[in-house]
Protein backbone atom coordinates (compact mmCIF):
# COMPACT_ATOMS: atom_id res chain seq x y z
CA MET A 1 0.00 0.00 0.00
CA ILE A 2 1.18 3.51 -0.81
CA LYS A 3 0.97 5.86 2.15
CA LEU A 4 -0.60 9.25 1.44
CA TYR A 5 -0.31 12.31 3.67
CA LEU A 6 -2.29 15.52 3.13
CA VAL A 7 -0.68 18.79 4.22
CA THR A 8 -3.01 21.75 4.67
CA GLY A 9 -2.75 25.16 6.30
CA PHE A 10 -3.92 28.64 5.55
CA LEU A 11 -1.85 30.98 3.37
CA GLY A 12 1.48 31.87 4.95
CA ALA A 13 1.39 29.17 7.64
CA GLY A 14 4.73 27.81 6.44
CA LYS A 15 3.71 24.73 4.43
CA THR A 16 6.58 24.95 1.93
CA THR A 17 9.22 25.29 4.66
CA PHE A 18 7.55 22.45 6.57
CA LEU A 19 7.54 20.19 3.49
CA LYS A 20 11.26 20.66 2.94
CA LYS A 21 11.82 19.20 6.41
CA PHE A 22 8.95 16.72 6.38
CA ILE A 23 10.26 14.82 3.35
CA TYR A 24 13.48 13.94 5.19
CA LEU A 25 11.43 11.66 7.44
CA PHE A 26 11.16 9.45 4.33
CA GLU A 27 14.72 9.73 3.02
CA ASN A 28 15.05 5.97 2.49
CA GLN A 29 11.73 5.68 0.65
CA LYS A 30 10.53 6.65 -2.81
CA LEU A 31 8.55 9.86 -2.40
CA ALA A 32 6.22 11.80 -4.71
CA LEU A 33 4.79 15.30 -4.17
CA ILE A 34 1.54 16.73 -5.52
CA VAL A 35 1.44 20.51 -5.04
CA ASN A 36 -1.77 22.49 -5.40
CA GLU A 37 -1.93 26.29 -5.63
CA PHE A 38 -4.94 28.55 -5.87
CA GLY A 39 -3.17 31.09 -8.07
CA LYS A 40 -2.35 30.75 -11.76
CA GLU A 41 1.40 30.42 -11.22
CA GLY A 42 3.04 27.43 -9.47
CA ILE A 43 5.35 29.24 -7.10
CA ASP A 44 5.48 26.54 -4.42
CA GLY A 45 6.36 23.99 -7.09
CA ALA A 46 9.31 26.14 -8.13
CA LEU A 47 10.43 26.40 -4.50
CA LEU A 48 10.26 22.63 -4.03
CA SER A 49 11.66 21.50 -7.40
CA PRO A 50 15.35 21.77 -6.31
CA LEU A 51 14.72 18.90 -3.87
CA GLY A 52 14.90 16.46 -6.77
CA ILE A 53 11.68 14.61 -5.87
CA ALA A 54 8.97 13.58 -8.35
CA LEU A 55 6.62 16.56 -8.32
CA SER A 56 3.29 17.31 -9.98
CA GLU A 57 1.50 20.66 -9.88
CA ILE A 58 -2.17 21.58 -10.03
CA ASN A 59 -2.72 25.33 -10.18
CA ASN A 60 -5.54 27.87 -10.50
CA GLY A 61 -7.96 26.45 -7.94
CA SER A 62 -8.42 23.93 -5.14
CA ILE A 63 -7.98 20.24 -6.00
CA PHE A 64 -11.10 19.44 -3.96
CA CYS A 65 -13.31 21.76 -5.99
CA SER A 66 -15.26 20.13 -8.84
CA CYS A 67 -13.45 22.47 -11.24
CA ARG A 68 -10.10 20.79 -10.45
CA LEU A 69 -11.09 17.37 -9.10
CA ASP A 70 -10.78 15.62 -12.46
CA GLN A 71 -7.24 16.97 -12.81
CA PHE A 72 -6.38 15.78 -9.30
CA GLU A 73 -7.73 12.31 -10.14
CA GLN A 74 -5.55 12.14 -13.25
CA VAL A 75 -2.43 13.36 -11.45
CA LEU A 76 -3.01 10.94 -8.58
CA ASP A 77 -3.45 8.02 -11.00
CA ASN A 78 -0.22 8.97 -12.78
CA THR A 79 1.58 9.26 -9.45
CA ILE A 80 0.34 5.86 -8.27
CA ALA A 81 1.58 4.34 -11.54
CA GLN A 82 5.12 5.40 -10.54
CA GLN A 83 4.77 3.16 -7.46
CA PRO A 84 6.17 5.48 -4.79
CA ASP A 85 6.25 4.40 -1.16
CA VAL A 86 4.80 7.71 0.01
CA ILE A 87 2.69 10.43 -1.64
CA VAL A 88 2.50 13.87 -0.01
CA VAL A 89 -0.24 16.20 -1.22
CA GLU A 90 0.15 19.89 -0.38
CA ALA A 91 -3.30 21.45 -0.70
CA SER A 92 -3.83 25.09 -1.54
CA GLY A 93 -4.04 27.38 1.48
CA LEU A 94 -7.50 28.32 0.23
CA SER A 95 -8.77 24.75 -0.11
CA ASP A 96 -11.65 22.98 1.62
CA PRO A 97 -10.40 19.41 2.20
CA THR A 98 -13.43 18.08 4.09
CA ASN A 99 -14.21 15.63 1.25
CA VAL A 100 -10.78 14.01 1.22
CA ARG A 101 -11.72 10.77 2.99
CA LYS A 102 -14.67 10.27 0.64
CA ILE A 103 -12.59 11.05 -2.46
CA LEU A 104 -9.84 8.60 -1.51
CA ALA A 105 -12.41 5.90 -0.72
CA GLN A 106 -13.09 5.39 -4.42
CA PRO A 107 -12.56 1.67 -5.19
CA GLY A 108 -9.61 2.16 -7.52
CA TRP A 109 -7.67 4.13 -4.92
CA ALA A 110 -8.77 2.49 -1.69
CA ALA A 111 -7.09 -0.75 -2.79
CA GLN A 112 -3.76 0.98 -3.43
CA ILE A 113 -3.56 3.90 -0.99
CA GLN A 114 -3.41 3.98 2.78
CA TYR A 115 -4.54 7.45 3.79
CA MET A 116 -2.39 8.46 6.78
CA GLY A 117 -4.26 11.64 7.60
CA SER A 118 -4.15 15.43 7.28
CA ILE A 119 -1.46 17.58 8.88
CA CYS A 120 -2.62 21.18 9.31
CA LEU A 121 -0.04 23.99 9.62
CA VAL A 122 -1.20 26.95 11.70
CA ASP A 123 0.55 30.33 11.93
CA ALA A 124 0.56 31.21 15.63
CA ASN A 125 0.85 34.92 14.89
CA SER A 126 -1.91 35.39 12.29
CA PHE A 127 -4.35 32.54 13.00
CA GLU A 128 -6.81 34.63 14.99
CA LYS A 129 -7.32 36.99 12.05
CA VAL A 130 -7.72 34.33 9.34
CA TYR A 131 -9.93 32.11 11.51
CA SER A 132 -12.47 34.90 11.80
CA THR A 133 -12.33 36.00 8.14
CA ALA A 134 -11.74 32.86 6.05
CA ARG A 135 -14.24 30.02 6.30
CA VAL A 136 -11.84 27.52 4.69
CA CYS A 137 -9.68 27.88 7.79
CA LYS A 138 -12.38 26.13 9.82
CA LYS A 139 -12.82 23.56 7.04
CA GLN A 140 -9.13 22.69 7.15
CA LEU A 141 -9.27 22.15 10.89
CA ALA A 142 -12.37 20.01 10.45
CA ALA A 143 -10.44 17.66 8.15
CA SER A 144 -7.25 17.61 10.23
CA ASP A 145 -5.77 14.72 12.18
CA VAL A 146 -2.94 16.71 13.76
CA VAL A 147 -2.08 20.42 14.01
CA ILE A 148 1.45 21.85 13.80
CA LEU A 149 1.38 25.25 15.47
CA ASN A 150 4.17 27.03 13.59
CA LYS A 151 6.01 30.34 14.07
CA THR A 152 5.54 30.28 17.85
CA ASP A 153 8.70 32.39 18.15
CA LEU A 154 6.85 35.31 16.54
CA ALA A 155 3.89 35.25 18.92
CA ALA A 156 3.65 36.10 22.63
CA PRO A 157 3.00 33.10 24.91
CA GLN A 158 -0.46 34.47 25.67
CA LYS A 159 -1.31 34.53 21.96
CA VAL A 160 -0.02 30.97 21.50
CA ASP A 161 -2.28 29.81 24.33
CA SER A 162 -5.21 31.73 22.85
CA VAL A 163 -4.71 30.12 19.44
CA LYS A 164 -4.57 26.66 20.99
CA GLN A 165 -7.83 27.31 22.81
CA MET A 166 -9.49 28.48 19.57
CA ILE A 167 -8.41 25.30 17.81
CA LEU A 168 -9.51 23.06 20.67
CA SER A 169 -12.86 24.82 20.93
CA GLN A 170 -13.61 23.55 17.42
CA ARG A 171 -11.70 20.27 17.61
CA PRO A 172 -11.05 19.21 21.23
CA ASP A 173 -9.77 15.85 19.97
CA LEU A 174 -6.83 17.26 18.00
CA LYS A 175 -3.21 16.87 18.99
CA ILE A 176 -1.34 20.20 18.74
CA TYR A 177 2.44 20.39 18.48
CA GLU A 178 4.29 23.70 18.77
CA THR A 179 7.25 24.47 16.53
CA THR A 180 9.27 27.13 14.69
CA PHE A 181 10.58 27.27 11.11
CA GLY A 182 8.43 24.27 10.17
CA THR A 183 10.54 21.86 12.20
CA ILE A 184 8.90 18.47 12.79
CA GLN A 185 9.66 15.56 15.07
CA SER A 186 9.31 12.05 13.65
CA ASP A 187 7.26 10.84 16.63
CA TRP A 188 4.58 13.43 15.84
CA ILE A 189 3.90 11.61 12.57
CA GLN A 190 4.38 8.13 13.98
CA SER A 191 1.66 8.85 16.54
CA MET A 192 -0.89 9.55 13.78
CA VAL A 193 -3.61 6.94 13.39
CA SER A 194 -4.72 6.29 9.82
CA PRO A 195 -8.30 7.66 9.65
CA GLU A 196 -11.10 5.55 8.31
CA LEU A 197 -12.14 6.29 4.74
CA LEU A 198 -15.77 7.08 4.01
CA PRO A 199 -17.04 4.88 1.15
CA GLU A 200 -19.99 7.06 0.28
CA GLU A 201 -20.76 9.55 -2.44
CA TYR A 202 -19.07 12.86 -1.79
CA ALA A 203 -20.72 16.21 -2.31
CA MET A 204 -19.24 18.12 -5.21
CA GLN A 205 -17.60 21.30 -3.99
CA THR A 206 -18.18 24.38 -6.09
CA LYS A 207 -15.74 27.23 -6.37
CA ASP A 208 -15.79 29.62 -3.42
CA VAL A 209 -16.53 32.90 -5.20
CA THR A 210 -15.45 34.91 -2.15
CA LEU A 211 -11.83 33.88 -2.78
CA LYS A 212 -9.93 36.06 -5.23
CA SER A 213 -6.69 35.67 -7.13
CA HIS A 214 -4.96 38.56 -8.90
CA GLN A 215 -1.78 38.53 -10.95
CA ILE A 216 0.49 41.56 -11.43
CA VAL A 217 3.10 41.48 -14.19
CA LEU A 218 6.07 43.75 -13.54
CA ARG A 219 8.40 45.36 -16.05
CA ASN A 220 12.12 44.87 -15.75
CA GLY A 221 13.98 47.54 -13.81
CA PHE A 222 11.50 47.98 -10.95
CA PRO A 223 13.76 49.28 -8.12
CA ARG A 224 13.63 47.05 -5.05
CA TYR A 225 12.83 49.90 -2.67
CA ASN A 226 9.96 51.06 -4.88
CA LEU A 227 8.64 47.50 -5.18
CA VAL A 228 8.41 47.24 -1.39
CA LYS A 229 6.51 50.53 -1.23
CA PHE A 230 4.22 49.36 -4.03
CA LEU A 231 3.40 46.14 -2.16
CA GLU A 232 2.80 48.00 1.09
CA MET A 233 0.03 50.01 -0.57
CA PHE A 234 -2.30 46.99 -0.86
CA LEU A 235 -0.79 44.33 1.42
CA GLU A 236 -3.25 44.78 4.29
CA ASP A 237 -6.10 43.97 1.88
CA THR A 238 -4.66 40.53 1.04
CA TYR A 239 -4.12 37.10 2.55
CA ARG A 240 -0.88 36.38 0.68
CA VAL A 241 1.41 37.92 -1.94
CA LYS A 242 4.04 35.77 -3.63
CA GLY A 243 6.24 35.74 -6.73
CA PHE A 244 9.71 35.92 -8.28
CA VAL A 245 11.34 39.19 -9.40
CA ARG A 246 14.61 39.76 -11.23
CA PHE A 247 16.86 42.60 -10.07
CA GLU A 248 20.35 43.53 -11.29
CA ASP A 249 22.04 41.32 -8.70
CA GLY A 250 19.85 38.25 -9.19
CA ILE A 251 16.43 36.72 -8.59
CA TYR A 252 14.42 37.54 -5.47
CA LEU A 253 11.45 35.83 -3.86
CA VAL A 254 8.55 38.06 -2.83
CA ASP A 255 6.73 36.38 0.05
CA CYS A 256 4.30 38.52 2.06
CA VAL A 257 1.86 37.55 4.80
CA GLY A 258 -0.25 39.95 6.84
CA ASN A 259 1.47 43.33 6.76
CA LEU A 260 5.01 41.93 6.55
CA VAL A 261 6.86 42.47 3.24
CA LYS A 262 9.66 40.02 2.47
CA VAL A 263 11.78 40.43 -0.65
CA GLU A 264 14.76 38.11 -0.27
CA LYS A 265 17.40 36.81 -2.65
CA TYR A 266 16.64 33.37 -4.06
CA GLY A 267 19.57 31.12 -4.81
CA GLU A 268 17.95 28.62 -7.18
CA THR A 269 17.09 28.69 -10.88
CA VAL A 270 13.58 29.88 -11.75
CA LYS A 271 11.76 29.37 -15.06
CA ASP A 272 11.48 32.54 -17.12
CA SER A 273 7.69 32.08 -17.25
CA LEU A 274 7.51 32.68 -13.49
CA LEU A 275 9.67 35.80 -13.37
CA GLN A 276 8.18 39.29 -12.92
CA LYS A 277 4.81 37.85 -11.89
CA ILE A 278 3.26 38.55 -8.49
CA VAL A 279 0.27 36.47 -7.32
CA VAL A 280 -2.10 38.18 -4.88
CA LEU A 281 -4.67 36.13 -2.93
CA SER A 282 -7.55 37.63 -0.98
CA GLY A 283 -11.09 36.97 0.18
CA GLY A 284 -14.57 38.37 0.51
CA GLY A 285 -14.96 41.80 2.04
CA MET A 286 -11.43 42.84 1.12
CA SER A 287 -11.00 45.85 -1.19
CA THR A 288 -8.00 44.22 -2.85
CA GLY A 289 -8.79 45.16 -6.44
CA LYS A 290 -9.34 48.81 -5.53
CA SER A 291 -6.11 48.93 -3.50
CA ILE A 292 -4.06 47.33 -6.30
CA SER A 293 -5.56 49.72 -8.84
CA GLU A 294 -4.54 52.70 -6.72
CA ALA A 295 -1.02 51.34 -6.23
CA VAL A 296 -0.66 50.72 -9.97
CA LYS A 297 -1.47 54.38 -10.64
CA TRP A 298 1.46 55.43 -8.45
CA TYR A 299 3.91 52.94 -9.95
CA SER A 300 2.50 52.55 -13.48
CA LYS A 301 5.89 52.95 -15.21
CA TRP A 302 6.98 49.59 -13.73
CA ILE A 303 3.70 47.70 -14.19
CA ASP A 304 3.09 45.80 -17.42
CA SER A 305 -0.40 44.54 -16.56
CA TRP A 306 -2.63 43.25 -13.78
CA GLU A 307 -5.90 41.32 -13.59
């Protein structure tokens, strides 16, 4: 049987950093990754590709939505055909994975896959905000078998305790492990009990129209200082901002969560098709489009297009 782990967690919780460490728990086994992103560009896939592991990407929506489920089924079939020992699926931070046990209970998969459960990454510093504004956050907890409370070094002890109480108020049965920088202990995973699959028809999940994805295409020569100021103009009206930008001294990764702007040098090769593109993710009630439009007016000479 092929073991399958699902990794969830709201935008910016640290899933990519966690995955880079998680896969080393299986260093003597054949591993395959399936990476799902809500935006049009596969940024997480680019970040994980240097690991040299078989990787498949599904972009522009949640794999559990009916609009992407057929693609997930095809990718999973192709991955199973490669006969890995372990499959790790990283779901989009905007996904609703509550159907996962019903989906994997399909006869063709149930005979080949042992579902090991869902690991949910939680950002200790920003969880309170996203829990109250993004309904998929509650859905991810509902489907979880264990919670990794990440970035505890960035939150006061009182906030960490508050977040734990919020999680337990919804799911008092969940095990919660505290960590920083996505570090994981092997016994946390070994203690997981493979959840029972649900061999019944699953409800088709339609696209959540409250979730929004924008893409901004930058022109070459955008000064780094000005780019930071540009991002700051609309960052508070977003859940996540991510992308790769080329400057004179190399390629940089833009990775913003909350009101924190990070533009840091990236040491790996990036496909040209990903460069100069910034993906912006937001939700209902956020004036993201209006804020981006205003920022583009100020920095129009360095903006090629946005949608």
